[in-house]
Amino acid sequence: MFGSMAIDIAIGLVFVYLLLRFVVTTIQELIDAVFKIRAIHLAKGIQKLLGTTTANEFVDRAVIEGLSPYKVFGNGTRKPSYIPPRTFVVTLLDMIGSAGGAAQRTVAERR
C-alpha cells in the first residue's frame, strides 16, 4: 500500500491490537454488567469509608437511589455502579451538615 513492507506491517499490527483491545474491553464490560462487580466494589468502598450505619444511610438517599438502574428481572433497583464525585460530596455534606448551620458535625461523629 505505502510501498514499504515495514510500514504496512506496523499499520496492520496497530489495527489488530486496537481491534483486540475493543473486543476485550467489550467482554470485560459485559462481565461487569452481568455480575455487578463495580456496584459491589463501590458499596464495599463506601462502607469502608463511612462505616456501616452511615453507608446504609448514604445509599438510601434519594439522590443516590436515582443513580441506580432498574433491575432487568424482578422489582426494585440495583445498587449504583458509579457515583459522580460532585454527587458524592453534596450527598455527604447534606448528611453531616445541619439545615440551620448552627453546629458542624464530622463523619466520625455520625458513626
PDB file of N, CA and C in Angstrom:
ATOM      1  N   MET A   1       0.830  -1.192   0.000  1.00  0.00           N
ATOM      2  CA  MET A   1       0.000   0.000   0.000  1.00  0.00           C
ATOM      3  C   MET A   1       0.875   1.256   0.000  1.00  0.00           C
ATOM      4  N   PHE A   2       1.781   1.388   0.951  1.00  0.00           N
ATOM      5  CA  PHE A   2       2.644   2.565   1.036  1.00  0.00           C
ATOM      6  C   PHE A   2       4.002   2.326   0.371  1.00  0.00           C
ATOM      7  N   GLY A   3       4.226   1.141  -0.155  1.00  0.00           N
ATOM      8  CA  GLY A   3       5.475   0.848  -0.816  1.00  0.00           C
ATOM      9  C   GLY A   3       6.539   0.307   0.109  1.00  0.00           C
ATOM     10  N   SER A   4       6.328   0.351   1.388  1.00  0.00           N
ATOM     11  CA  SER A   4       7.302  -0.159   2.345  1.00  0.00           C
ATOM     12  C   SER A   4       6.652  -1.269   3.158  1.00  0.00           C
ATOM     13  N   MET A   5       7.296  -2.395   3.151  1.00  0.00           N
ATOM     14  CA  MET A   5       6.746  -3.541   3.861  1.00  0.00           C
ATOM     15  C   MET A   5       6.695  -3.289   5.375  1.00  0.00           C
ATOM     16  N   ALA A   6       7.684  -2.590   5.921  1.00  0.00           N
ATOM     17  CA  ALA A   6       7.737  -2.317   7.361  1.00  0.00           C
ATOM     18  C   ALA A   6       6.572  -1.420   7.788  1.00  0.00           C
ATOM     19  N   ILE A   7       6.247  -0.415   7.001  1.00  0.00           N
ATOM     20  CA  ILE A   7       5.127   0.479   7.335  1.00  0.00           C
ATOM     21  C   ILE A   7       3.807  -0.275   7.257  1.00  0.00           C
ATOM     22  N   ASP A   8       3.650  -1.129   6.230  1.00  0.00           N
ATOM     23  CA  ASP A   8       2.428  -1.923   6.105  1.00  0.00           C
ATOM     24  C   ASP A   8       2.243  -2.869   7.290  1.00  0.00           C
ATOM     25  N   ILE A   9       3.322  -3.489   7.721  1.00  0.00           N
ATOM     26  CA  ILE A   9       3.249  -4.404   8.869  1.00  0.00           C
ATOM     27  C   ILE A   9       2.928  -3.628  10.143  1.00  0.00           C
ATOM     28  N   ALA A  10       3.548  -2.466  10.335  1.00  0.00           N
ATOM     29  CA  ALA A  10       3.283  -1.653  11.533  1.00  0.00           C
ATOM     30  C   ALA A  10       1.826  -1.205  11.571  1.00  0.00           C
ATOM     31  N   ILE A  11       1.285  -0.760  10.457  1.00  0.00           N
ATOM     32  CA  ILE A  11      -0.128  -0.334  10.401  1.00  0.00           C
ATOM     33  C   ILE A  11      -1.039  -1.518  10.670  1.00  0.00           C
ATOM     34  N   GLY A  12      -0.706  -2.680  10.103  1.00  0.00           N
ATOM     35  CA  GLY A  12      -1.510  -3.883  10.344  1.00  0.00           C
ATOM     36  C   GLY A  12      -1.506  -4.291  11.807  1.00  0.00           C
ATOM     37  N   LEU A  13      -0.328  -4.244  12.446  1.00  0.00           N
ATOM     38  CA  LEU A  13      -0.245  -4.595  13.865  1.00  0.00           C
ATOM     39  C   LEU A  13      -1.028  -3.628  14.742  1.00  0.00           C
ATOM     40  N   VAL A  14      -0.920  -2.333  14.449  1.00  0.00           N
ATOM     41  CA  VAL A  14      -1.675  -1.337  15.213  1.00  0.00           C
ATOM     42  C   VAL A  14      -3.169  -1.606  15.070  1.00  0.00           C
ATOM     43  N   PHE A  15      -3.622  -1.888  13.859  1.00  0.00           N
ATOM     44  CA  PHE A  15      -5.038  -2.167  13.632  1.00  0.00           C
ATOM     45  C   PHE A  15      -5.493  -3.405  14.396  1.00  0.00           C
ATOM     46  N   VAL A  16      -4.694  -4.473  14.347  1.00  0.00           N
ATOM     47  CA  VAL A  16      -5.057  -5.717  15.048  1.00  0.00           C
ATOM     48  C   VAL A  16      -5.094  -5.490  16.557  1.00  0.00           C
ATOM     49  N   TYR A  17      -4.102  -4.778  17.104  1.00  0.00           N
ATOM     50  CA  TYR A  17      -4.085  -4.517  18.546  1.00  0.00           C
ATOM     51  C   TYR A  17      -5.270  -3.654  18.978  1.00  0.00           C
ATOM     52  N   LEU A  18      -5.622  -2.653  18.192  1.00  0.00           N
ATOM     53  CA  LEU A  18      -6.783  -1.828  18.520  1.00  0.00           C
ATOM     54  C   LEU A  18      -8.073  -2.643  18.475  1.00  0.00           C
ATOM     55  N   LEU A  19      -8.213  -3.474  17.463  1.00  0.00           N
ATOM     56  CA  LEU A  19      -9.393  -4.320  17.353  1.00  0.00           C
ATOM     57  C   LEU A  19      -9.491  -5.276  18.537  1.00  0.00           C
ATOM     58  N   LEU A  20      -8.364  -5.887  18.906  1.00  0.00           N
ATOM     59  CA  LEU A  20      -8.333  -6.786  20.059  1.00  0.00           C
ATOM     60  C   LEU A  20      -8.670  -6.043  21.348  1.00  0.00           C
ATOM     61  N   ARG A  21      -8.167  -4.833  21.483  1.00  0.00           N
ATOM     62  CA  ARG A  21      -8.462  -4.023  22.667  1.00  0.00           C
ATOM     63  C   ARG A  21      -9.956  -3.753  22.798  1.00  0.00           C
ATOM     64  N   PHE A  22     -10.610  -3.404  21.691  1.00  0.00           N
ATOM     65  CA  PHE A  22     -12.045  -3.128  21.733  1.00  0.00           C
ATOM     66  C   PHE A  22     -12.850  -4.384  22.061  1.00  0.00           C
ATOM     67  N   VAL A  23     -12.445  -5.521  21.546  1.00  0.00           N
ATOM     68  CA  VAL A  23     -13.145  -6.766  21.833  1.00  0.00           C
ATOM     69  C   VAL A  23     -13.002  -7.133  23.307  1.00  0.00           C
ATOM     70  N   VAL A  24     -11.796  -7.049  23.841  1.00  0.00           N
ATOM     71  CA  VAL A  24     -11.557  -7.403  25.248  1.00  0.00           C
ATOM     72  C   VAL A  24     -12.287  -6.430  26.172  1.00  0.00           C
ATOM     73  N   THR A  25     -12.287  -5.136  25.841  1.00  0.00           N
ATOM     74  CA  THR A  25     -12.999  -4.150  26.658  1.00  0.00           C
ATOM     75  C   THR A  25     -14.496  -4.421  26.667  1.00  0.00           C
ATOM     76  N   THR A  26     -15.046  -4.777  25.523  1.00  0.00           N
ATOM     77  CA  THR A  26     -16.473  -5.094  25.450  1.00  0.00           C
ATOM     78  C   THR A  26     -16.808  -6.320  26.291  1.00  0.00           C
ATOM     79  N   ILE A  27     -15.985  -7.343  26.217  1.00  0.00           N
ATOM     80  CA  ILE A  27     -16.217  -8.549  27.019  1.00  0.00           C
ATOM     81  C   ILE A  27     -16.117  -8.220  28.509  1.00  0.00           C
ATOM     82  N   GLN A  28     -15.143  -7.416  28.900  1.00  0.00           N
ATOM     83  CA  GLN A  28     -14.993  -7.012  30.304  1.00  0.00           C
ATOM     84  C   GLN A  28     -16.207  -6.228  30.791  1.00  0.00           C
ATOM     85  N   GLU A  29     -16.709  -5.330  29.969  1.00  0.00           N
ATOM     86  CA  GLU A  29     -17.903  -4.556  30.343  1.00  0.00           C
ATOM     87  C   GLU A  29     -19.120  -5.466  30.499  1.00  0.00           C
ATOM     88  N   LEU A  30     -19.256  -6.451  29.643  1.00  0.00           N
ATOM     89  CA  LEU A  30     -20.374  -7.395  29.764  1.00  0.00           C
ATOM     90  C   LEU A  30     -20.270  -8.208  31.048  1.00  0.00           C
ATOM     91  N   ILE A  31     -19.069  -8.657  31.383  1.00  0.00           N
ATOM     92  CA  ILE A  31     -18.877  -9.413  32.627  1.00  0.00           C
ATOM     93  C   ILE A  31     -19.207  -8.531  33.830  1.00  0.00           C
ATOM     94  N   ASP A  32     -18.744  -7.285  33.832  1.00  0.00           N
ATOM     95  CA  ASP A  32     -19.045  -6.362  34.932  1.00  0.00           C
ATOM     96  C   ASP A  32     -20.543  -6.115  35.055  1.00  0.00           C
ATOM     97  N   ALA A  33     -21.227  -5.989  33.929  1.00  0.00           N
ATOM     98  CA  ALA A  33     -22.662  -5.728  33.965  1.00  0.00           C
ATOM     99  C   ALA A  33     -23.441  -6.943  34.472  1.00  0.00           C
ATOM    100  N   VAL A  34     -23.056  -8.127  34.052  1.00  0.00           N
ATOM    101  CA  VAL A  34     -23.781  -9.334  34.448  1.00  0.00           C
ATOM    102  C   VAL A  34     -23.579  -9.637  35.929  1.00  0.00           C
ATOM    103  N   PHE A  35     -22.347  -9.565  36.395  1.00  0.00           N
ATOM    104  CA  PHE A  35     -22.052  -9.930  37.783  1.00  0.00           C
ATOM    105  C   PHE A  35     -22.063  -8.746  38.746  1.00  0.00           C
ATOM    106  N   LYS A  36     -22.333  -7.549  38.244  1.00  0.00           N
ATOM    107  CA  LYS A  36     -22.433  -6.333  39.058  1.00  0.00           C
ATOM    108  C   LYS A  36     -21.170  -6.108  39.902  1.00  0.00           C
ATOM    109  N   ILE A  37     -20.028  -6.331  39.315  1.00  0.00           N
ATOM    110  CA  ILE A  37     -18.752  -6.234  40.030  1.00  0.00           C
ATOM    111  C   ILE A  37     -18.485  -4.810  40.490  1.00  0.00           C
ATOM    112  N   ARG A  38     -18.729  -3.833  39.625  1.00  0.00           N
ATOM    113  CA  ARG A  38     -18.475  -2.433  40.002  1.00  0.00           C
ATOM    114  C   ARG A  38     -19.370  -1.996  41.157  1.00  0.00           C
ATOM    115  N   ALA A  39     -20.634  -2.370  41.098  1.00  0.00           N
ATOM    116  CA  ALA A  39     -21.567  -1.985  42.159  1.00  0.00           C
ATOM    117  C   ALA A  39     -21.153  -2.601  43.499  1.00  0.00           C
ATOM    118  N   ILE A  40     -20.691  -3.825  43.470  1.00  0.00           N
ATOM    119  CA  ILE A  40     -20.258  -4.497  44.698  1.00  0.00           C
ATOM    120  C   ILE A  40     -19.034  -3.800  45.280  1.00  0.00           C
ATOM    121  N   HIS A  41     -18.058  -3.493  44.426  1.00  0.00           N
ATOM    122  CA  HIS A  41     -16.843  -2.824  44.909  1.00  0.00           C
ATOM    123  C   HIS A  41     -17.135  -1.399  45.391  1.00  0.00           C
ATOM    124  N   LEU A  42     -18.041  -0.714  44.709  1.00  0.00           N
ATOM    125  CA  LEU A  42     -18.407   0.637  45.152  1.00  0.00           C
ATOM    126  C   LEU A  42     -19.083   0.591  46.513  1.00  0.00           C
ATOM    127  N   ALA A  43     -19.988  -0.357  46.713  1.00  0.00           N
ATOM    128  CA  ALA A  43     -20.669  -0.483  48.007  1.00  0.00           C
ATOM    129  C   ALA A  43     -19.677  -0.808  49.126  1.00  0.00           C
ATOM    130  N   LYS A  44     -18.731  -1.698  48.846  1.00  0.00           N
ATOM    131  CA  LYS A  44     -17.719  -2.036  49.859  1.00  0.00           C
ATOM    132  C   LYS A  44     -16.829  -0.841  50.167  1.00  0.00           C
ATOM    133  N   GLY A  45     -16.467  -0.075  49.143  1.00  0.00           N
ATOM    134  CA  GLY A  45     -15.635   1.104  49.348  1.00  0.00           C
ATOM    135  C   GLY A  45     -16.326   2.169  50.168  1.00  0.00           C
ATOM    136  N   ILE A  46     -17.606   2.393  49.888  1.00  0.00           N
ATOM    137  CA  ILE A  46     -18.380   3.381  50.658  1.00  0.00           C
ATOM    138  C   ILE A  46     -18.530   2.917  52.101  1.00  0.00           C
ATOM    139  N   GLN A  47     -18.749   1.616  52.281  1.00  0.00           N
ATOM    140  CA  GLN A  47     -18.888   1.087  53.643  1.00  0.00           C
ATOM    141  C   GLN A  47     -17.574   1.221  54.408  1.00  0.00           C
ATOM    142  N   LYS A  48     -16.442   0.981  53.766  1.00  0.00           N
ATOM    143  CA  LYS A  48     -15.146   1.157  54.425  1.00  0.00           C
ATOM    144  C   LYS A  48     -14.898   2.622  54.766  1.00  0.00           C
ATOM    145  N   LEU A  49     -15.292   3.500  53.867  1.00  0.00           N
ATOM    146  CA  LEU A  49     -15.037   4.916  54.034  1.00  0.00           C
ATOM    147  C   LEU A  49     -15.922   5.528  55.116  1.00  0.00           C
ATOM    148  N   LEU A  50     -17.199   5.180  55.129  1.00  0.00           N
ATOM    149  CA  LEU A  50     -18.157   5.843  56.017  1.00  0.00           C
ATOM    150  C   LEU A  50     -18.578   5.018  57.219  1.00  0.00           C
ATOM    151  N   GLY A  51     -18.362   3.732  57.206  1.00  0.00           N
ATOM    152  CA  GLY A  51     -18.881   2.876  58.264  1.00  0.00           C
ATOM    153  C   GLY A  51     -20.226   2.312  57.837  1.00  0.00           C
ATOM    154  N   THR A  52     -20.640   1.235  58.464  1.00  0.00           N
ATOM    155  CA  THR A  52     -21.837   0.515  58.030  1.00  0.00           C
ATOM    156  C   THR A  52     -23.107   1.346  58.147  1.00  0.00           C
ATOM    157  N   THR A  53     -23.335   1.963  59.289  1.00  0.00           N
ATOM    158  CA  THR A  53     -24.566   2.720  59.508  1.00  0.00           C
ATOM    159  C   THR A  53     -24.658   3.919  58.575  1.00  0.00           C
ATOM    160  N   THR A  54     -23.598   4.694  58.500  1.00  0.00           N
ATOM    161  CA  THR A  54     -23.596   5.877  57.650  1.00  0.00           C
ATOM    162  C   THR A  54     -23.658   5.488  56.182  1.00  0.00           C
ATOM    163  N   ALA A  55     -23.012   4.390  55.808  1.00  0.00           N
ATOM    164  CA  ALA A  55     -23.052   3.931  54.415  1.00  0.00           C
ATOM    165  C   ALA A  55     -24.469   3.536  54.019  1.00  0.00           C
ATOM    166  N   ASN A  56     -25.174   2.853  54.910  1.00  0.00           N
ATOM    167  CA  ASN A  56     -26.563   2.482  54.610  1.00  0.00           C
ATOM    168  C   ASN A  56     -27.442   3.719  54.452  1.00  0.00           C
ATOM    169  N   GLU A  57     -27.233   4.702  55.309  1.00  0.00           N
ATOM    170  CA  GLU A  57     -27.993   5.947  55.198  1.00  0.00           C
ATOM    171  C   GLU A  57     -27.638   6.686  53.904  1.00  0.00           C
ATOM    172  N   PHE A  58     -26.357   6.640  53.539  1.00  0.00           N
ATOM    173  CA  PHE A  58     -25.890   7.302  52.318  1.00  0.00           C
ATOM    174  C   PHE A  58     -26.538   6.686  51.084  1.00  0.00           C
ATOM    175  N   VAL A  59     -26.557   5.365  51.017  1.00  0.00           N
ATOM    176  CA  VAL A  59     -27.126   4.669  49.857  1.00  0.00           C
ATOM    177  C   VAL A  59     -28.636   4.853  49.793  1.00  0.00           C
ATOM    178  N   ASP A  60     -29.293   5.049  50.940  1.00  0.00           N
ATOM    179  CA  ASP A  60     -30.742   5.220  50.964  1.00  0.00           C
ATOM    180  C   ASP A  60     -31.191   6.624  50.572  1.00  0.00           C
ATOM    181  N   ARG A  61     -30.272   7.553  50.394  1.00  0.00           N
ATOM    182  CA  ARG A  61     -30.626   8.910  49.975  1.00  0.00           C
ATOM    183  C   ARG A  61     -31.236   8.884  48.584  1.00  0.00           C
ATOM    184  N   ALA A  62     -32.175   9.774  48.334  1.00  0.00           N
ATOM    185  CA  ALA A  62     -32.880   9.812  47.052  1.00  0.00           C
ATOM    186  C   ALA A  62     -31.940  10.106  45.885  1.00  0.00           C
ATOM    187  N   VAL A  63     -30.949  10.949  46.121  1.00  0.00           N
ATOM    188  CA  VAL A  63     -30.011  11.291  45.053  1.00  0.00           C
ATOM    189  C   VAL A  63     -29.229  10.057  44.605  1.00  0.00           C
ATOM    190  N   ILE A  64     -28.806   9.239  45.546  1.00  0.00           N
ATOM    191  CA  ILE A  64     -28.035   8.037  45.228  1.00  0.00           C
ATOM    192  C   ILE A  64     -28.951   6.963  44.640  1.00  0.00           C
ATOM    193  N   GLU A  65     -30.154   6.828  45.178  1.00  0.00           N
ATOM    194  CA  GLU A  65     -31.098   5.860  44.616  1.00  0.00           C
ATOM    195  C   GLU A  65     -31.467   6.220  43.181  1.00  0.00           C
ATOM    196  N   GLY A  66     -31.442   7.505  42.861  1.00  0.00           N
ATOM    197  CA  GLY A  66     -31.733   7.939  41.495  1.00  0.00           C
ATOM    198  C   GLY A  66     -30.674   7.501  40.500  1.00  0.00           C
ATOM    199  N   LEU A  67     -29.481   7.215  40.978  1.00  0.00           N
ATOM    200  CA  LEU A  67     -28.408   6.740  40.100  1.00  0.00           C
ATOM    201  C   LEU A  67     -28.469   5.237  39.854  1.00  0.00           C
ATOM    202  N   SER A  68     -29.318   4.541  40.600  1.00  0.00           N
ATOM    203  CA  SER A  68     -29.408   3.087  40.485  1.00  0.00           C
ATOM    204  C   SER A  68     -30.255   2.694  39.275  1.00  0.00           C
ATOM    205  N   PRO A  69     -29.724   1.827  38.416  1.00  0.00           N
ATOM    206  CA  PRO A  69     -30.525   1.370  37.282  1.00  0.00           C
ATOM    207  C   PRO A  69     -31.567   0.357  37.737  1.00  0.00           C
ATOM    208  N   TYR A  70     -32.623   0.225  36.960  1.00  0.00           N
ATOM    209  CA  TYR A  70     -33.648  -0.762  37.281  1.00  0.00           C
ATOM    210  C   TYR A  70     -33.120  -2.166  37.055  1.00  0.00           C
ATOM    211  N   LYS A  71     -33.637  -3.101  37.836  1.00  0.00           N
ATOM    212  CA  LYS A  71     -33.254  -4.487  37.641  1.00  0.00           C
ATOM    213  C   LYS A  71     -33.869  -5.003  36.347  1.00  0.00           C
ATOM    214  N   VAL A  72     -33.167  -5.885  35.694  1.00  0.00           N
ATOM    215  CA  VAL A  72     -33.696  -6.475  34.471  1.00  0.00           C
ATOM    216  C   VAL A  72     -34.775  -7.482  34.826  1.00  0.00           C
ATOM    217  N   PHE A  73     -34.531  -8.283  35.846  1.00  0.00           N
ATOM    218  CA  PHE A  73     -35.509  -9.257  36.299  1.00  0.00           C
ATOM    219  C   PHE A  73     -35.898  -8.926  37.730  1.00  0.00           C
ATOM    220  N   GLY A  74     -37.178  -8.831  38.022  1.00  0.00           N
ATOM    221  CA  GLY A  74     -37.636  -8.568  39.375  1.00  0.00           C
ATOM    222  C   GLY A  74     -37.945  -7.104  39.613  1.00  0.00           C
ATOM    223  N   ASN A  75     -38.392  -6.822  40.819  1.00  0.00           N
ATOM    224  CA  ASN A  75     -38.777  -5.463  41.190  1.00  0.00           C
ATOM    225  C   ASN A  75     -37.635  -4.732  41.856  1.00  0.00           C
ATOM    226  N   GLY A  76     -37.764  -3.413  41.933  1.00  0.00           N
ATOM    227  CA  GLY A  76     -36.782  -2.606  42.641  1.00  0.00           C
ATOM    228  C   GLY A  76     -35.630  -2.183  41.755  1.00  0.00           C
ATOM    229  N   THR A  77     -34.612  -1.669  42.393  1.00  0.00           N
ATOM    230  CA  THR A  77     -33.449  -1.193  41.654  1.00  0.00           C
ATOM    231  C   THR A  77     -32.192  -1.875  42.162  1.00  0.00           C
ATOM    232  N   ARG A  78     -31.179  -1.843  41.341  1.00  0.00           N
ATOM    233  CA  ARG A  78     -29.875  -2.354  41.739  1.00  0.00           C
ATOM    234  C   ARG A  78     -29.103  -1.233  42.411  1.00  0.00           C
ATOM    235  N   LYS A  79     -27.967  -1.576  42.979  1.00  0.00           N
ATOM    236  CA  LYS A  79     -27.094  -0.552  43.545  1.00  0.00           C
ATOM    237  C   LYS A  79     -26.392   0.166  42.396  1.00  0.00           C
ATOM    238  N   PRO A  80     -26.046   1.443  42.581  1.00  0.00           N
ATOM    239  CA  PRO A  80     -25.353   2.152  41.500  1.00  0.00           C
ATOM    240  C   PRO A  80     -23.932   1.608  41.326  1.00  0.00           C
ATOM    241  N   SER A  81     -23.467   1.638  40.093  1.00  0.00           N
ATOM    242  CA  SER A  81     -22.103   1.184  39.827  1.00  0.00           C
ATOM    243  C   SER A  81     -21.148   2.366  39.710  1.00  0.00           C
ATOM    244  N   TYR A  82     -21.691   3.575  39.686  1.00  0.00           N
ATOM    245  CA  TYR A  82     -20.864   4.768  39.576  1.00  0.00           C
ATOM    246  C   TYR A  82     -21.592   5.926  40.244  1.00  0.00           C
ATOM    247  N   ILE A  83     -20.875   6.693  41.049  1.00  0.00           N
ATOM    248  CA  ILE A  83     -21.421   7.901  41.660  1.00  0.00           C
ATOM    249  C   ILE A  83     -20.487   9.041  41.283  1.00  0.00           C
ATOM    250  N   PRO A  84     -20.993  10.056  40.587  1.00  0.00           N
ATOM    251  CA  PRO A  84     -20.127  11.182  40.231  1.00  0.00           C
ATOM    252  C   PRO A  84     -19.562  11.850  41.490  1.00  0.00           C
ATOM    253  N   PRO A  85     -18.333  12.342  41.426  1.00  0.00           N
ATOM    254  CA  PRO A  85     -17.707  12.938  42.608  1.00  0.00           C
ATOM    255  C   PRO A  85     -18.522  14.072  43.224  1.00  0.00           C
ATOM    256  N   ARG A  86     -19.079  14.928  42.398  1.00  0.00           N
ATOM    257  CA  ARG A  86     -19.869  16.054  42.911  1.00  0.00           C
ATOM    258  C   ARG A  86     -21.106  15.559  43.665  1.00  0.00           C
ATOM    259  N   THR A  87     -21.770  14.548  43.127  1.00  0.00           N
ATOM    260  CA  THR A  87     -22.944  13.979  43.787  1.00  0.00           C
ATOM    261  C   THR A  87     -22.563  13.348  45.118  1.00  0.00           C
ATOM    262  N   PHE A  88     -21.424  12.655  45.152  1.00  0.00           N
ATOM    263  CA  PHE A  88     -20.949  12.030  46.383  1.00  0.00           C
ATOM    264  C   PHE A  88     -20.712  13.083  47.460  1.00  0.00           C
ATOM    265  N   VAL A  89     -20.012  14.154  47.098  1.00  0.00           N
ATOM    266  CA  VAL A  89     -19.677  15.198  48.067  1.00  0.00           C
ATOM    267  C   VAL A  89     -20.928  15.929  48.541  1.00  0.00           C
ATOM    268  N   VAL A  90     -21.811  16.283  47.623  1.00  0.00           N
ATOM    269  CA  VAL A  90     -23.024  17.016  48.007  1.00  0.00           C
ATOM    270  C   VAL A  90     -23.897  16.163  48.918  1.00  0.00           C
ATOM    271  N   THR A  91     -24.026  14.882  48.616  1.00  0.00           N
ATOM    272  CA  THR A  91     -24.825  13.991  49.459  1.00  0.00           C
ATOM    273  C   THR A  91     -24.197  13.828  50.833  1.00  0.00           C
ATOM    274  N   LEU A  92     -22.883  13.667  50.879  1.00  0.00           N
ATOM    275  CA  LEU A  92     -22.200  13.521  52.158  1.00  0.00           C
ATOM    276  C   LEU A  92     -22.302  14.786  52.995  1.00  0.00           C
ATOM    277  N   LEU A  93     -22.136  15.953  52.365  1.00  0.00           N
ATOM    278  CA  LEU A  93     -22.265  17.215  53.095  1.00  0.00           C
ATOM    279  C   LEU A  93     -23.697  17.432  53.578  1.00  0.00           C
ATOM    280  N   ASP A  94     -24.659  16.973  52.785  1.00  0.00           N
ATOM    281  CA  ASP A  94     -26.053  17.070  53.204  1.00  0.00           C
ATOM    282  C   ASP A  94     -26.313  16.202  54.430  1.00  0.00           C
ATOM    283  N   MET A  95     -25.639  15.055  54.487  1.00  0.00           N
ATOM    284  CA  MET A  95     -25.819  14.161  55.632  1.00  0.00           C
ATOM    285  C   MET A  95     -25.207  14.721  56.903  1.00  0.00           C
ATOM    286  N   ILE A  96     -24.006  15.301  56.808  1.00  0.00           N
ATOM    287  CA  ILE A  96     -23.322  15.724  58.028  1.00  0.00           C
ATOM    288  C   ILE A  96     -23.620  17.165  58.410  1.00  0.00           C
ATOM    289  N   GLY A  97     -24.091  17.933  57.475  1.00  0.00           N
ATOM    290  CA  GLY A  97     -24.385  19.331  57.775  1.00  0.00           C
ATOM    291  C   GLY A  97     -25.788  19.487  58.339  1.00  0.00           C
ATOM    292  N   SER A  98     -25.980  20.491  59.148  1.00  0.00           N
ATOM    293  CA  SER A  98     -27.323  20.751  59.658  1.00  0.00           C
ATOM    294  C   SER A  98     -27.975  21.822  58.793  1.00  0.00           C
ATOM    295  N   ALA A  99     -29.297  21.834  58.767  1.00  0.00           N
ATOM    296  CA  ALA A  99     -30.033  22.767  57.913  1.00  0.00           C
ATOM    297  C   ALA A  99     -29.810  24.214  58.343  1.00  0.00           C
ATOM    298  N   GLY A 100     -29.761  24.446  59.621  1.00  0.00           N
ATOM    299  CA  GLY A 100     -29.603  25.802  60.116  1.00  0.00           C
ATOM    300  C   GLY A 100     -28.157  26.257  60.171  1.00  0.00           C
ATOM    301  N   GLY A 101     -27.233  25.340  60.099  1.00  0.00           N
ATOM    302  CA  GLY A 101     -25.821  25.678  60.154  1.00  0.00           C
ATOM    303  C   GLY A 101     -25.362  26.031  61.556  1.00  0.00           C
ATOM    304  N   ALA A 102     -26.128  25.660  62.581  1.00  0.00           N
ATOM    305  CA  ALA A 102     -25.794  26.023  63.950  1.00  0.00           C
ATOM    306  C   ALA A 102     -24.566  25.265  64.452  1.00  0.00           C
ATOM    307  N   ALA A 103     -24.511  23.989  64.192  1.00  0.00           N
ATOM    308  CA  ALA A 103     -23.396  23.185  64.687  1.00  0.00           C
ATOM    309  C   ALA A 103     -22.826  22.352  63.552  1.00  0.00           C
ATOM    310  N   GLN A 104     -21.527  22.302  63.503  1.00  0.00           N
ATOM    311  CA  GLN A 104     -20.894  21.483  62.474  1.00  0.00           C
ATOM    312  C   GLN A 104     -20.585  20.116  63.044  1.00  0.00           C
ATOM    313  N   ARG A 105     -20.810  19.100  62.213  1.00  0.00           N
ATOM    314  CA  ARG A 105     -20.523  17.734  62.624  1.00  0.00           C
ATOM    315  C   ARG A 105     -19.548  17.126  61.639  1.00  0.00           C
ATOM    316  N   THR A 106     -18.896  16.066  62.057  1.00  0.00           N
ATOM    317  CA  THR A 106     -17.966  15.364  61.187  1.00  0.00           C
ATOM    318  C   THR A 106     -18.520  13.979  60.892  1.00  0.00           C
ATOM    319  N   VAL A 107     -17.896  13.315  59.928  1.00  0.00           N
ATOM    320  CA  VAL A 107     -18.312  11.954  59.589  1.00  0.00           C
ATOM    321  C   VAL A 107     -18.055  11.030  60.772  1.00  0.00           C
ATOM    322  N   ALA A 108     -16.979  11.246  61.521  1.00  0.00           N
ATOM    323  CA  ALA A 108     -16.670  10.404  62.670  1.00  0.00           C
ATOM    324  C   ALA A 108     -17.754  10.460  63.730  1.00  0.00           C
ATOM    325  N   GLU A 109     -18.396  11.610  63.881  1.00  0.00           N
ATOM    326  CA  GLU A 109     -19.473  11.735  64.862  1.00  0.00           C
ATOM    327  C   GLU A 109     -20.723  10.986  64.424  1.00  0.00           C
ATOM    328  N   ARG A 110     -20.860  10.696  63.125  1.00  0.00           N
ATOM    329  CA  ARG A 110     -22.039  10.013  62.615  1.00  0.00           C
ATOM    330  C   ARG A 110     -21.961   8.519  62.809  1.00  0.00           C
ATOM    331  N   ARG A 111     -20.766   7.980  63.044  1.00  0.00           N
ATOM    332  CA  ARG A 111     -20.614   6.513  63.150  1.00  0.00           C
ATOM    333  C   ARG A 111     -21.196   5.974  64.396  1.00  0.00           C
TER     334      ARG A 111
END
